[in-house]
Structures are given as C-alpha cells and as structure tokens.
C-alpha atoms as a PDB file:
ATOM      1  CA  MET A   1    -221.252-162.803  94.758  1.00  0.00           C
ATOM      2  CA  ALA A   2    -222.253-165.436  96.968  1.00  0.00           C
ATOM      3  CA  LYS A   3    -219.256-164.702  98.844  1.00  0.00           C
ATOM      4  CA  LEU A   4    -220.387-161.215  99.025  1.00  0.00           C
ATOM      5  CA  LYS A   5    -223.691-162.603 100.614  1.00  0.00           C
ATOM      6  CA  ALA A   6    -225.376-160.983  97.527  1.00  0.00           C
ATOM      7  CA  LYS A   7    -228.145-163.025  97.360  1.00  0.00           C
ATOM      8  CA  GLN A   8    -231.774-162.954  96.112  1.00  0.00           C
ATOM      9  CA  THR A   9    -234.959-163.220  98.289  1.00  0.00           C
ATOM     10  CA  VAL A  10    -237.912-164.543  96.189  1.00  0.00           C
ATOM     11  CA  LEU A  11    -241.366-163.747  96.296  1.00  0.00           C
ATOM     12  CA  GLY A  12    -243.372-166.487  96.803  1.00  0.00           C
ATOM     13  CA  TYR A  13    -246.052-165.813  93.950  1.00  0.00           C
ATOM     14  CA  VAL A  14    -244.777-168.645  91.746  1.00  0.00           C
ATOM     15  CA  LYS A  15    -244.163-171.451  93.845  1.00  0.00           C
ATOM     16  CA  GLN A  16    -242.097-172.811  90.881  1.00  0.00           C
ATOM     17  CA  HIS A  17    -239.373-170.193  92.294  1.00  0.00           C
ATOM     18  CA  GLU A  18    -239.303-170.879  95.551  1.00  0.00           C
ATOM     19  CA  ALA A  19    -236.154-172.925  95.683  1.00  0.00           C
ATOM     20  CA  LYS A  20    -234.578-169.715  93.931  1.00  0.00           C
ATOM     21  CA  ASN A  21    -233.915-168.616  97.295  1.00  0.00           C
ATOM     22  CA  GLY A  22    -230.503-167.418  98.077  1.00  0.00           C
ATOM     23  CA  THR A  23    -229.358-167.752  94.501  1.00  0.00           C
ATOM     24  CA  PRO A  24    -226.510-164.959  94.227  1.00  0.00           C
ATOM     25  CA  THR A  25    -227.364-161.369  91.967  1.00  0.00           C
ATOM     26  CA  MET A  26    -226.286-158.841  91.251  1.00  0.00           C
ATOM     27  CA  GLY A  27    -225.036-160.773  88.373  1.00  0.00           C
ATOM     28  CA  GLY A  28    -225.015-157.786  85.578  1.00  0.00           C
ATOM     29  CA  PHE A  29    -221.667-156.728  86.511  1.00  0.00           C
ATOM     30  CA  ILE A  30    -220.228-160.003  84.410  1.00  0.00           C
ATOM     31  CA  PHE A  31    -221.636-158.106  81.490  1.00  0.00           C
ATOM     32  CA  LEU A  32    -221.227-154.476  82.312  1.00  0.00           C
ATOM     33  CA  LEU A  33    -217.329-154.626  82.123  1.00  0.00           C
ATOM     34  CA  SER A  34    -217.347-155.954  78.716  1.00  0.00           C
ATOM     35  CA  ALA A  35    -219.266-152.781  78.076  1.00  0.00           C
ATOM     36  CA  ILE A  36    -216.837-150.476  79.934  1.00  0.00           C
ATOM     37  CA  ILE A  37    -213.648-152.078  78.305  1.00  0.00           C
ATOM     38  CA  PHE A  38    -215.197-151.537  74.722  1.00  0.00           C
ATOM     39  CA  PRO A  39    -214.081-147.601  74.622  1.00  0.00           C
ATOM     40  CA  LEU A  40    -210.630-148.679  75.089  1.00  0.00           C
ATOM     41  CA  ILE A  41    -211.555-150.074  71.253  1.00  0.00           C
ATOM     42  CA  GLU A  42    -213.091-147.413  69.982  1.00  0.00           C
ATOM     43  CA  PHE A  43    -213.329-144.054  71.745  1.00  0.00           C
ATOM     44  CA  SER A  44    -215.953-141.573  70.654  1.00  0.00           C
ATOM     45  CA  ALA A  45    -218.099-139.188  71.994  1.00  0.00           C
ATOM     46  CA  PHE A  46    -221.635-142.314  71.682  1.00  0.00           C
ATOM     47  CA  SER A  47    -218.458-144.652  73.411  1.00  0.00           C
ATOM     48  CA  ALA A  48    -218.284-142.368  76.518  1.00  0.00           C
ATOM     49  CA  VAL A  49    -221.973-141.764  76.866  1.00  0.00           C
ATOM     50  CA  ALA A  50    -223.527-145.315  76.354  1.00  0.00           C
ATOM     51  CA  VAL A  51    -220.656-146.273  79.326  1.00  0.00           C
ATOM     52  CA  SER A  52    -221.621-143.513  81.425  1.00  0.00           C
ATOM     53  CA  VAL A  53    -225.421-143.916  80.997  1.00  0.00           C
ATOM     54  CA  MET A  54    -224.886-147.576  81.593  1.00  0.00           C
ATOM     55  CA  VAL A  55    -223.233-147.449  84.604  1.00  0.00           C
ATOM     56  CA  GLY A  56    -225.418-145.058  85.746  1.00  0.00           C
ATOM     57  CA  PHE A  57    -228.716-147.552  85.761  1.00  0.00           C
ATOM     58  CA  CYS A  58    -226.368-149.917  87.270  1.00  0.00           C
ATOM     59  CA  ILE A  59    -225.570-147.830  90.111  1.00  0.00           C
ATOM     60  CA  LEU A  60    -229.327-147.184  90.621  1.00  0.00           C
ATOM     61  CA  GLY A  61    -230.471-151.271  90.063  1.00  0.00           C
ATOM     62  CA  PHE A  62    -227.340-151.606  92.319  1.00  0.00           C
ATOM     63  CA  LEU A  63    -228.793-149.395  94.917  1.00  0.00           C
ATOM     64  CA  ASP A  64    -231.981-151.404  94.715  1.00  0.00           C
ATOM     65  CA  ASP A  65    -230.906-154.539  94.779  1.00  0.00           C
ATOM     66  CA  PHE A  66    -228.482-153.708  98.130  1.00  0.00           C
ATOM     67  CA  ILE A  67    -231.528-152.524  99.876  1.00  0.00           C
ATOM     68  CA  LYS A  68    -233.289-156.197  99.103  1.00  0.00           C
ATOM     69  CA  ILE A  69    -230.619-158.224  99.935  1.00  0.00           C
ATOM     70  CA  HIS A  70    -230.065-155.819 103.597  1.00  0.00           C
ATOM     71  CA  TYR A  71    -233.213-156.487 104.482  1.00  0.00           C
ATOM     72  CA  ALA A  72    -233.585-159.787 103.275  1.00  0.00           C
ATOM     73  CA  ARG A  73    -237.183-158.909 101.783  1.00  0.00           C
ATOM     74  CA  ASN A  74    -237.874-158.670  97.657  1.00  0.00           C
ATOM     75  CA  LEU A  75    -238.609-155.196  98.001  1.00  0.00           C
ATOM     76  CA  GLY A  76    -236.135-152.591  97.222  1.00  0.00           C
ATOM     77  CA  LEU A  77    -235.948-148.649  96.098  1.00  0.00           C
ATOM     78  CA  LYS A  78    -239.457-146.871  96.643  1.00  0.00           C
ATOM     79  CA  ALA A  79    -241.016-146.605  93.337  1.00  0.00           C
ATOM     80  CA  TYR A  80    -240.936-142.758  93.646  1.00  0.00           C
ATOM     81  CA  GLN A  81    -237.093-143.715  94.501  1.00  0.00           C
ATOM     82  CA  LYS A  82    -236.414-145.300  91.069  1.00  0.00           C
ATOM     83  CA  ILE A  83    -238.538-142.940  88.831  1.00  0.00           C
ATOM     84  CA  ILE A  84    -236.579-139.842  89.904  1.00  0.00           C
ATOM     85  CA  GLY A  85    -233.029-141.952  89.322  1.00  0.00           C
ATOM     86  CA  GLN A  86    -233.991-143.395  86.207  1.00  0.00           C
ATOM     87  CA  LEU A  87    -235.971-139.758  84.767  1.00  0.00           C
ATOM     88  CA  GLY A  88    -232.678-137.905  85.913  1.00  0.00           C
ATOM     89  CA  LEU A  89    -230.236-139.920  84.188  1.00  0.00           C
ATOM     90  CA  SER A  90    -232.699-140.011  80.727  1.00  0.00           C
ATOM     91  CA  VAL A  91    -232.981-136.323  80.622  1.00  0.00           C
ATOM     92  CA  ALA A  92    -228.923-135.818  80.559  1.00  0.00           C
ATOM     93  CA  VAL A  93    -229.044-138.514  77.456  1.00  0.00           C
ATOM     94  CA  GLY A  94    -231.805-136.596  76.143  1.00  0.00           C
ATOM     95  CA  TYR A  95    -229.740-133.273  76.585  1.00  0.00           C
ATOM     96  CA  PHE A  96    -226.367-135.287  74.918  1.00  0.00           C
ATOM     97  CA  VAL A  97    -229.206-136.241  72.608  1.00  0.00           C
ATOM     98  CA  TYR A  98    -230.241-132.889  71.319  1.00  0.00           C
ATOM     99  CA  ALA A  99    -226.822-131.400  71.430  1.00  0.00           C
ATOM    100  CA  SER A 100    -225.297-133.470  69.595  1.00  0.00           C
ATOM    101  CA  LYS A 101    -224.391-132.825  65.790  1.00  0.00           C
ATOM    102  CA  PHE A 102    -224.858-136.165  64.800  1.00  0.00           C
ATOM    103  CA  ILE A 103    -228.500-136.425  66.177  1.00  0.00           C
ATOM    104  CA  GLY A 104    -229.866-133.639  67.306  1.00  0.00           C
ATOM    105  CA  GLY A 105    -234.214-133.701  67.351  1.00  0.00           C
ATOM    106  CA  GLU A 106    -234.216-135.921  64.133  1.00  0.00           C
ATOM    107  CA  LEU A 107    -236.081-139.503  64.125  1.00  0.00           C
ATOM    108  CA  ILE A 108    -235.332-141.970  61.803  1.00  0.00           C
ATOM    109  CA  PHE A 109    -238.210-143.914  59.957  1.00  0.00           C
ATOM    110  CA  PRO A 110    -238.375-147.003  57.470  1.00  0.00           C
ATOM    111  CA  PHE A 111    -238.980-146.007  53.588  1.00  0.00           C
ATOM    112  CA  GLY A 112    -237.155-142.965  54.207  1.00  0.00           C
ATOM    113  CA  ALA A 113    -239.387-141.205  56.525  1.00  0.00           C
ATOM    114  CA  SER A 114    -237.535-138.482  59.006  1.00  0.00           C
ATOM    115  CA  LEU A 115    -238.903-135.928  61.598  1.00  0.00           C
ATOM    116  CA  ASP A 116    -236.590-133.464  63.290  1.00  0.00           C
ATOM    117  CA  ILE A 117    -238.568-132.919  66.442  1.00  0.00           C
ATOM    118  CA  LYS A 118    -236.085-130.560  67.563  1.00  0.00           C
ATOM    119  CA  TRP A 119    -235.925-130.036  71.668  1.00  0.00           C
ATOM    120  CA  GLY A 120    -238.780-132.350  72.043  1.00  0.00           C
ATOM    121  CA  ILE A 121    -236.714-134.539  71.592  1.00  0.00           C
ATOM    122  CA  ILE A 122    -235.448-134.548  75.189  1.00  0.00           C
ATOM    123  CA  ILE A 123    -238.522-135.165  76.311  1.00  0.00           C
ATOM    124  CA  PHE A 124    -239.385-138.452  73.952  1.00  0.00           C
ATOM    125  CA  VAL A 125    -235.646-139.640  75.088  1.00  0.00           C
ATOM    126  CA  VAL A 126    -236.832-139.554  78.622  1.00  0.00           C
ATOM    127  CA  ILE A 127    -239.905-141.787  77.548  1.00  0.00           C
ATOM    128  CA  VAL A 128    -238.009-144.004  75.378  1.00  0.00           C
ATOM    129  CA  TYR A 129    -235.240-144.866  78.263  1.00  0.00           C
ATOM    130  CA  VAL A 130    -237.812-145.183  81.194  1.00  0.00           C
ATOM    131  CA  ALA A 131    -239.986-147.078  79.402  1.00  0.00           C
ATOM    132  CA  THR A 132    -237.296-149.399  78.077  1.00  0.00           C
ATOM    133  CA  THR A 133    -235.343-149.860  81.096  1.00  0.00           C
ATOM    134  CA  ASN A 134    -239.343-150.888  83.366  1.00  0.00           C
ATOM    135  CA  SER A 135    -239.737-152.761  80.110  1.00  0.00           C
ATOM    136  CA  VAL A 136    -236.151-155.371  80.381  1.00  0.00           C
ATOM    137  CA  ASN A 137    -236.656-155.332  84.164  1.00  0.00           C
ATOM    138  CA  LEU A 138    -240.112-156.608  83.840  1.00  0.00           C
ATOM    139  CA  THR A 139    -238.959-158.920  81.756  1.00  0.00           C
ATOM    140  CA  ASP A 140    -236.165-160.083  83.928  1.00  0.00           C
ATOM    141  CA  GLY A 141    -238.139-162.762  85.290  1.00  0.00           C
ATOM    142  CA  LEU A 142    -237.483-166.550  85.121  1.00  0.00           C
ATOM    143  CA  ASP A 143    -233.781-167.955  84.213  1.00  0.00           C
ATOM    144  CA  GLY A 144    -232.083-166.625  80.671  1.00  0.00           C
ATOM    145  CA  LEU A 145    -235.109-164.959  79.663  1.00  0.00           C
ATOM    146  CA  ALA A 146    -234.215-161.159  79.736  1.00  0.00           C
ATOM    147  CA  GLY A 147    -230.916-162.556  78.782  1.00  0.00           C
ATOM    148  CA  TYR A 148    -231.794-164.177  75.657  1.00  0.00           C
ATOM    149  CA  THR A 149    -234.368-161.794  74.183  1.00  0.00           C
ATOM    150  CA  SER A 150    -231.004-159.308  74.816  1.00  0.00           C
ATOM    151  CA  VAL A 151    -228.696-161.564  72.747  1.00  0.00           C
ATOM    152  CA  ALA A 152    -231.666-161.328  70.047  1.00  0.00           C
ATOM    153  CA  TYR A 153    -231.768-157.931  69.966  1.00  0.00           C
ATOM    154  CA  PHE A 154    -228.484-156.758  69.932  1.00  0.00           C
ATOM    155  CA  ILE A 155    -227.287-159.312  67.450  1.00  0.00           C
ATOM    156  CA  THR A 156    -230.138-157.417  65.406  1.00  0.00           C
ATOM    157  CA  PHE A 157    -228.801-153.966  66.378  1.00  0.00           C
ATOM    158  CA  SER A 158    -225.426-155.047  65.773  1.00  0.00           C
ATOM    159  CA  LEU A 159    -225.619-156.101  62.035  1.00  0.00           C
ATOM    160  CA  VAL A 160    -227.968-152.809  61.696  1.00  0.00           C
ATOM    161  CA  LEU A 161    -225.525-150.082  62.981  1.00  0.00           C
ATOM    162  CA  PHE A 162    -222.975-152.458  61.019  1.00  0.00           C
ATOM    163  CA  PHE A 163    -224.655-151.251  57.494  1.00  0.00           C
ATOM    164  CA  LEU A 164    -225.160-147.543  59.162  1.00  0.00           C
ATOM    165  CA  TRP A 165    -221.541-147.302  59.344  1.00  0.00           C
ATOM    166  CA  ARG A 166    -220.739-148.991  56.213  1.00  0.00           C
ATOM    167  CA  ASP A 167    -223.453-146.266  54.755  1.00  0.00           C
ATOM    168  CA  ALA A 168    -221.530-143.285  56.129  1.00  0.00           C
ATOM    169  CA  GLU A 169    -218.623-144.854  55.104  1.00  0.00           C
ATOM    170  CA  ALA A 170    -219.262-144.818  51.784  1.00  0.00           C
ATOM    171  CA  ALA A 171    -221.125-140.887  51.354  1.00  0.00           C
ATOM    172  CA  GLY A 172    -217.638-140.161  52.775  1.00  0.00           C
ATOM    173  CA  ASP A 173    -218.961-139.157  56.412  1.00  0.00           C
ATOM    174  CA  ALA A 174    -215.587-140.283  58.201  1.00  0.00           C
ATOM    175  CA  GLU A 175    -216.575-138.134  61.172  1.00  0.00           C
ATOM    176  CA  TYR A 176    -220.180-139.766  61.600  1.00  0.00           C
ATOM    177  CA  ALA A 177    -219.017-143.500  60.361  1.00  0.00           C
ATOM    178  CA  LYS A 178    -216.748-143.540  63.411  1.00  0.00           C
ATOM    179  CA  GLN A 179    -219.430-142.841  65.858  1.00  0.00           C
ATOM    180  CA  LEU A 180    -221.361-145.797  64.282  1.00  0.00           C
ATOM    181  CA  LEU A 181    -218.582-148.078  64.437  1.00  0.00           C
ATOM    182  CA  SER A 182    -217.953-147.075  68.194  1.00  0.00           C
ATOM    183  CA  LEU A 183    -221.675-147.533  68.960  1.00  0.00           C
ATOM    184  CA  THR A 184    -221.320-151.234  67.000  1.00  0.00           C
ATOM    185  CA  ILE A 185    -218.319-152.472  68.594  1.00  0.00           C
ATOM    186  CA  TYR A 186    -220.281-151.454  72.156  1.00  0.00           C
ATOM    187  CA  CYS A 187    -223.268-153.594  70.986  1.00  0.00           C
ATOM    188  CA  VAL A 188    -220.555-156.435  69.869  1.00  0.00           C
ATOM    189  CA  CYS A 189    -219.438-156.034  73.309  1.00  0.00           C
ATOM    190  CA  LEU A 190    -222.361-156.284  75.290  1.00  0.00           C
ATOM    191  CA  LEU A 191    -223.503-159.772  73.040  1.00  0.00           C
ATOM    192  CA  GLY A 192    -220.182-161.067  74.101  1.00  0.00           C
ATOM    193  CA  GLY A 193    -220.600-160.204  77.513  1.00  0.00           C
ATOM    194  CA  LEU A 194    -224.639-161.661  78.062  1.00  0.00           C
ATOM    195  CA  LEU A 195    -223.230-164.585  75.819  1.00  0.00           C
ATOM    196  CA  GLY A 196    -220.602-165.297  78.949  1.00  0.00           C
ATOM    197  CA  TYR A 197    -223.031-164.129  81.416  1.00  0.00           C
ATOM    198  CA  LEU A 198    -225.806-166.192  80.149  1.00  0.00           C
ATOM    199  CA  VAL A 199    -223.564-170.014  81.099  1.00  0.00           C
ATOM    200  CA  PHE A 200    -224.198-169.336  84.716  1.00  0.00           C
ATOM    201  CA  ASN A 201    -227.931-167.786  84.248  1.00  0.00           C
ATOM    202  CA  GLY A 202    -229.315-170.557  81.855  1.00  0.00           C
ATOM    203  CA  TYR A 203    -231.663-172.648  83.360  1.00  0.00           C
ATOM    204  CA  PRO A 204    -230.849-173.372  86.413  1.00  0.00           C
ATOM    205  CA  ALA A 205    -229.411-170.106  87.159  1.00  0.00           C
ATOM    206  CA  ARG A 206    -226.736-169.993  89.482  1.00  0.00           C
ATOM    207  CA  ILE A 207    -226.276-166.000  89.064  1.00  0.00           C
ATOM    208  CA  MET A 208    -229.394-163.515  88.707  1.00  0.00           C
ATOM    209  CA  MET A 209    -228.639-160.273  87.596  1.00  0.00           C
ATOM    210  CA  GLY A 210    -230.847-158.623  89.604  1.00  0.00           C
ATOM    211  CA  ASP A 211    -231.750-154.675  88.743  1.00  0.00           C
ATOM    212  CA  THR A 212    -228.194-153.705  88.608  1.00  0.00           C
ATOM    213  CA  GLY A 213    -227.998-156.263  85.389  1.00  0.00           C
ATOM    214  CA  SER A 214    -231.503-155.402  83.816  1.00  0.00           C
ATOM    215  CA  LEU A 215    -231.310-151.736  83.987  1.00  0.00           C
ATOM    216  CA  ALA A 216    -228.130-151.030  82.623  1.00  0.00           C
ATOM    217  CA  LEU A 217    -229.165-153.713  79.995  1.00  0.00           C
ATOM    218  CA  GLY A 218    -232.042-151.688  79.437  1.00  0.00           C
ATOM    219  CA  ALA A 219    -229.848-148.435  79.043  1.00  0.00           C
ATOM    220  CA  GLY A 220    -228.029-150.519  76.525  1.00  0.00           C
ATOM    221  CA  VAL A 221    -231.406-151.582  74.617  1.00  0.00           C
ATOM    222  CA  ALA A 222    -232.300-148.225  74.205  1.00  0.00           C
ATOM    223  CA  THR A 223    -229.561-146.290  73.818  1.00  0.00           C
ATOM    224  CA  VAL A 224    -227.987-148.417  70.796  1.00  0.00           C
ATOM    225  CA  ALA A 225    -231.153-147.483  69.335  1.00  0.00           C
ATOM    226  CA  VAL A 226    -231.643-143.718  70.450  1.00  0.00           C
ATOM    227  CA  PHE A 227    -228.090-142.831  68.964  1.00  0.00           C
ATOM    228  CA  ALA A 228    -228.669-144.587  65.732  1.00  0.00           C
ATOM    229  CA  LYS A 229    -231.877-142.215  65.257  1.00  0.00           C
ATOM    230  CA  ILE A 230    -234.148-145.051  65.243  1.00  0.00           C
ATOM    231  CA  PRO A 231    -235.850-145.590  68.315  1.00  0.00           C
ATOM    232  CA  ILE A 232    -238.884-146.807  66.870  1.00  0.00           C
ATOM    233  CA  LEU A 233    -237.696-149.980  66.170  1.00  0.00           C
ATOM    234  CA  ILE A 234    -236.865-150.949  69.497  1.00  0.00           C
ATOM    235  CA  ALA A 235    -240.727-151.799  69.645  1.00  0.00           C
ATOM    236  CA  VAL A 236    -239.740-154.519  66.833  1.00  0.00           C
ATOM    237  CA  ALA A 237    -236.302-156.254  68.016  1.00  0.00           C
ATOM    238  CA  GLY A 238    -237.785-155.435  71.430  1.00  0.00           C
ATOM    239  CA  ILE A 239    -240.985-156.931  71.044  1.00  0.00           C
ATOM    240  CA  MET A 240    -240.666-159.151  73.640  1.00  0.00           C
ATOM    241  CA  PHE A 241    -239.469-156.573  76.276  1.00  0.00           C
ATOM    242  CA  VAL A 242    -243.124-154.045  75.133  1.00  0.00           C
ATOM    243  CA  PHE A 243    -245.407-157.094  75.470  1.00  0.00           C
ATOM    244  CA  SER A 244    -243.871-157.694  79.067  1.00  0.00           C
ATOM    245  CA  SER A 245    -244.969-153.910  79.604  1.00  0.00           C
ATOM    246  CA  ILE A 246    -248.203-154.191  77.655  1.00  0.00           C
ATOM    247  CA  SER A 247    -249.101-157.539  79.448  1.00  0.00           C
ATOM    248  CA  VAL A 248    -248.489-155.598  83.157  1.00  0.00           C
ATOM    249  CA  ILE A 249    -250.240-152.598  82.130  1.00  0.00           C
ATOM    250  CA  VAL A 250    -253.919-154.653  80.630  1.00  0.00           C
ATOM    251  CA  GLN A 251    -253.542-157.072  83.616  1.00  0.00           C
ATOM    252  CA  VAL A 252    -254.046-153.597  86.057  1.00  0.00           C
ATOM    253  CA  LEU A 253    -255.959-152.036  83.943  1.00  0.00           C
ATOM    254  CA  PHE A 254    -258.396-154.989  83.380  1.00  0.00           C
ATOM    255  CA  PHE A 255    -258.753-155.612  87.228  1.00  0.00           C
ATOM    256  CA  LYS A 256    -258.898-151.787  87.999  1.00  0.00           C
ATOM    257  CA  LEU A 257    -262.129-152.043  85.770  1.00  0.00           C
ATOM    258  CA  THR A 258    -263.738-155.283  86.021  1.00  0.00           C
ATOM    259  CA  LYS A 259    -261.931-156.930  89.202  1.00  0.00           C
ATOM    260  CA  LYS A 260    -261.048-159.672  87.017  1.00  0.00           C
ATOM    261  CA  ARG A 261    -257.525-160.383  85.053  1.00  0.00           C
ATOM    262  CA  VAL A 262    -256.908-161.555  81.875  1.00  0.00           C
ATOM    263  CA  PHE A 263    -253.910-163.305  82.620  1.00  0.00           C
ATOM    264  CA  LEU A 264    -252.866-165.874  85.611  1.00  0.00           C
ATOM    265  CA  MET A 265    -250.286-163.400  86.597  1.00  0.00           C
ATOM    266  CA  ALA A 266    -248.176-160.657  84.829  1.00  0.00           C
ATOM    267  CA  PRO A 267    -246.174-160.150  82.912  1.00  0.00           C
ATOM    268  CA  PHE A 268    -246.978-162.322  80.435  1.00  0.00           C
ATOM    269  CA  HIS A 269    -243.773-165.411  80.964  1.00  0.00           C
ATOM    270  CA  HIS A 270    -245.573-166.298  84.421  1.00  0.00           C
ATOM    271  CA  HIS A 271    -248.893-166.765  82.586  1.00  0.00           C
ATOM    272  CA  LEU A 272    -247.343-169.273  80.452  1.00  0.00           C
ATOM    273  CA  GLU A 273    -245.600-170.572  83.792  1.00  0.00           C
ATOM    274  CA  MET A 274    -248.593-170.661  85.616  1.00  0.00           C
ATOM    275  CA  ARG A 275    -250.374-172.467  82.676  1.00  0.00           C
ATOM    276  CA  GLY A 276    -247.919-175.339  82.818  1.00  0.00           C
ATOM    277  CA  MET A 277    -245.272-174.328  80.743  1.00  0.00           C
ATOM    278  CA  HIS A 278    -240.944-175.103  81.614  1.00  0.00           C
ATOM    279  CA  GLU A 279    -239.155-171.944  82.082  1.00  0.00           C
ATOM    280  CA  SER A 280    -236.673-173.459  79.403  1.00  0.00           C
ATOM    281  CA  LYS A 281    -239.164-173.495  77.459  1.00  0.00           C
ATOM    282  CA  ILE A 282    -240.560-170.042  77.284  1.00  0.00           C
ATOM    283  CA  VAL A 283    -237.169-168.663  77.242  1.00  0.00           C
ATOM    284  CA  THR A 284    -236.942-170.247  73.935  1.00  0.00           C
ATOM    285  CA  LEU A 285    -239.859-169.307  72.854  1.00  0.00           C
ATOM    286  CA  TYR A 286    -239.288-165.528  73.372  1.00  0.00           C
ATOM    287  CA  PHE A 287    -235.753-166.104  72.138  1.00  0.00           C
ATOM    288  CA  VAL A 288    -237.341-167.319  68.322  1.00  0.00           C
ATOM    289  CA  VAL A 289    -240.068-164.988  68.570  1.00  0.00           C
ATOM    290  CA  SER A 290    -236.873-161.850  68.764  1.00  0.00           C
ATOM    291  CA  MET A 291    -234.648-163.172  66.475  1.00  0.00           C
ATOM    292  CA  LEU A 292    -237.937-163.540  63.919  1.00  0.00           C
ATOM    293  CA  ALA A 293    -238.814-159.939  65.280  1.00  0.00           C
ATOM    294  CA  GLY A 294    -234.812-158.729  64.538  1.00  0.00           C
ATOM    295  CA  ALA A 295    -234.975-160.351  60.913  1.00  0.00           C
ATOM    296  CA  ILE A 296    -238.349-157.869  60.092  1.00  0.00           C
ATOM    297  CA  THR A 297    -236.487-155.228  62.310  1.00  0.00           C
ATOM    298  CA  LEU A 298    -233.265-155.441  59.608  1.00  0.00           C
ATOM    299  CA  ILE A 299    -235.535-155.124  56.501  1.00  0.00           C
ATOM    300  CA  LEU A 300    -237.068-152.323  57.855  1.00  0.00           C
ATOM    301  CA  ALA A 301    -233.995-150.466  58.672  1.00  0.00           C
ATOM    302  CA  ARG A 302    -232.677-151.084  55.067  1.00  0.00           C
ATOM    303  CA  ALA A 303    -236.053-149.852  53.352  1.00  0.00           C
END
C-alpha cells in the first residue's frame, strides 16, 4: 500500500492522531483475501453470496478511500453517494434472504421464539446492513480497535454457527447443515485474516484498514447473523459497534437541542482518548467488553 502511495490523511481533531498522517491505508484487503478463498473449502449459496456482498462493500469503501488519497484530504464519497451504494447492496442481499428456502422471512429469538415477517425481511435486512456497516466504520478510529472488536465478534459467531450446524446435522437436515458449515468456515477464515492483519494494525499501526476494510468487515458482521436468522444478536455480540453509533447519535441530537455536548468527542472511544486514556487501553477495554458480550450471546443463542 505504501508503494501505491495509498496513505491516510488524518483530520486534526485529535492531536494524538497527527502522527498517523501518511500511514498506509486500504489494509482491509488483507483479511478480505481470507474470506474470498473460503468458498474453495466449502462452496454453497451462503458462501457465494457472503463473499459477493463483502466484495461489494469493499469496492464501495475502496472508492471512498481512493478519493481521499487522490485529493489528499480525509473526505471521500459524499454521504448520499455512500448511502446509495449501501442501500443498493443491502437490497440485493435482502432479496436473496427472502428468496432463500433456508431463511425466507424468519427471525429467530432467544428462548425458542421466532417470527415470520415475510417480505418485510427485505426492509429489515437493509436496515441491519446499513446500520452495521456504518457502526463498524465509526468504530475504526483507533489502532486495532475495529479489528480486535471484530475478532471477539467472529470468535462468538464461529461458536454459535458451529452449534447451529451440529443441531442441523443431528436433525438430519443435511442441506441446511451444508449452508451453516460454509458460514462457519467463512467466520473462521475472516477471524484468521483479521488476526494476520492485526499484526500490522496493532498500536502503533503500520497499516490502516480504511473504508475498504471497515465497510467490508461490517458486511461480514451483518452477514453471519442475518444468514443464521439471528440478526437480533448483533446488538449483543456487537455491542461496542452499536455503542459507537449510539454515542454519535446522542452527541448530535443533544447538541442540536441544547448546544451542549454529552461527550468531549464522539464516537465514545475518542471521548476516552480526550480524557487521557491511551489507545491500547481503550482497545483492550473494547475487546474485553466484546468478549463478555460474546459469552452472553452464546448463552442466548443456546437458550
């Protein structure tokens, strides 16, 4: 990335980040490659679509990063351009989900509850993908933060999907079991790719994932939950992604109403940074909370 002059220009809102100017970006390609090869291990409809949607969001993020690099400023695609891209990709996934005999309009909740929202699943999937990709993007603000938070998430869902696959096998549903197995392998491949990427992205980062990585990663986060019919558990396993978005929403709304701020800076990880907490400690905090949330997710998924 350095040879391609794909270097990040960082806004100066946080003084500690001035040293990050010029750090190679678009490092998301590292873990994306691990996801692309996984259909060779276990091909299925789930694996083909999972990779396709991840590549689609990666391309959207790449365009955003390319514009930032080309104009040497931290402003890429305009907001409406990015949201149009996200909506288009999300609608395509929503249609696949609705048309799939393995998913349809069914949503599964803890304690054996389920709900069939029929064609409404398309709208629901769009909301999940747009919200999740933007939440992961917002979390990608410190060295290793989005990466380690995602590692905790994919550890959790690798286990959740493994148990779902085993249940399908025990029930004699070989066709559905094949889909779940491919999704489990997808999770594990992404996990491995992320761990390799974090060797270079941990503090102090030698490479950043950029929107190329964060949007693709957000798509992966959404896909494993949506295809398993348990997107509600994103709010638990991905609690720190959700909190990043909530902190921004609260900050903006509160400021518009009162002209005052709840946080020194949003998302919340920047608030902690402004309070003097070191990047590595913030990342550790997010990882630990995410692992604890993952344990709760496992309990709920098996309830």
